[in-house]
Amino acid sequence: MAERVAERVRRTLREQPELEIRFTEAIRADSYYQGSVVLFLHPMHQALVDELRAERRGGE
């Protein structure tokens, strides 16, 4: 199920690249919570977020 979250993160960061992301163990790895200006994720997704943001910076 973490793959579903990873796909959601990819899509969300394409649509809202400046969205703030906070990592917390209060969120399960197979879940997420998105507010209007922040996305809460389990820390296991941090490498993916870093990779996606690095790709975006490289493409600018």
Protein backbone atom coordinates (compact mmCIF):
# COMPACT_ATOMS: atom_id res chain seq x y z
CA MET A 1 0.00 0.00 0.00
CA ALA A 2 2.95 2.38 0.40
CA GLU A 3 3.13 2.38 -3.41
CA ARG A 4 -0.29 4.08 -3.48
CA VAL A 5 1.07 6.82 -1.22
CA ALA A 6 4.19 7.19 -3.37
CA GLU A 7 2.04 7.68 -6.48
CA ARG A 8 -0.05 10.25 -4.64
CA VAL A 9 3.10 12.12 -3.59
CA ARG A 10 4.35 12.18 -7.21
CA ARG A 11 1.05 13.52 -8.48
CA THR A 12 0.67 16.06 -5.69
CA LEU A 13 4.18 17.47 -6.11
CA ARG A 14 3.63 17.82 -9.87
CA GLU A 15 0.44 19.79 -9.21
CA GLN A 16 1.66 21.73 -6.16
CA PRO A 17 5.48 21.77 -6.19
CA GLU A 18 5.74 24.30 -3.36
CA LEU A 19 3.52 22.31 -1.00
CA GLU A 20 5.03 22.00 2.47
CA ILE A 21 5.71 18.44 3.52
CA ARG A 22 6.05 17.29 7.10
CA PHE A 23 7.22 13.86 8.11
CA THR A 24 5.79 12.23 11.20
CA GLU A 25 5.56 8.74 12.57
CA ALA A 26 2.00 9.55 13.60
CA ILE A 27 1.06 8.76 9.98
CA ARG A 28 1.27 5.14 8.87
CA ALA A 29 3.54 4.32 5.93
CA ASP A 30 0.52 3.33 3.83
CA SER A 31 -1.37 6.54 4.55
CA TYR A 32 -1.05 10.33 4.28
CA TYR A 33 -2.94 13.43 5.32
CA GLN A 34 -3.19 16.45 3.06
CA GLY A 35 -4.36 19.80 4.30
CA SER A 36 -4.63 22.92 2.16
CA VAL A 37 -0.95 23.89 2.50
CA VAL A 38 0.78 20.87 4.02
CA LEU A 39 1.12 17.17 3.30
CA PHE A 40 1.88 14.85 6.22
CA LEU A 41 3.79 11.66 5.40
CA HIS A 42 5.54 8.85 7.21
CA PRO A 43 9.35 9.36 7.26
CA MET A 44 9.85 6.37 4.95
CA HIS A 45 8.70 8.63 2.08
CA GLN A 46 11.34 11.29 2.68
CA ALA A 47 13.81 9.85 0.15
CA LEU A 48 11.11 9.92 -2.53
CA VAL A 49 10.22 13.54 -1.76
CA ASP A 50 13.91 14.52 -1.83
CA GLU A 51 14.35 12.75 -5.17
CA LEU A 52 11.29 14.38 -6.74
CA ARG A 53 12.29 17.83 -5.55
CA ALA A 54 15.87 17.33 -6.81
CA GLU A 55 14.50 16.32 -10.23
CA ARG A 56 12.34 19.44 -10.28
CA ARG A 57 15.28 21.68 -9.38
CA GLY A 58 17.38 20.02 -12.08
CA GLY A 59 14.67 20.60 -14.66
CA GLU A 60 14.37 24.32 -14.05
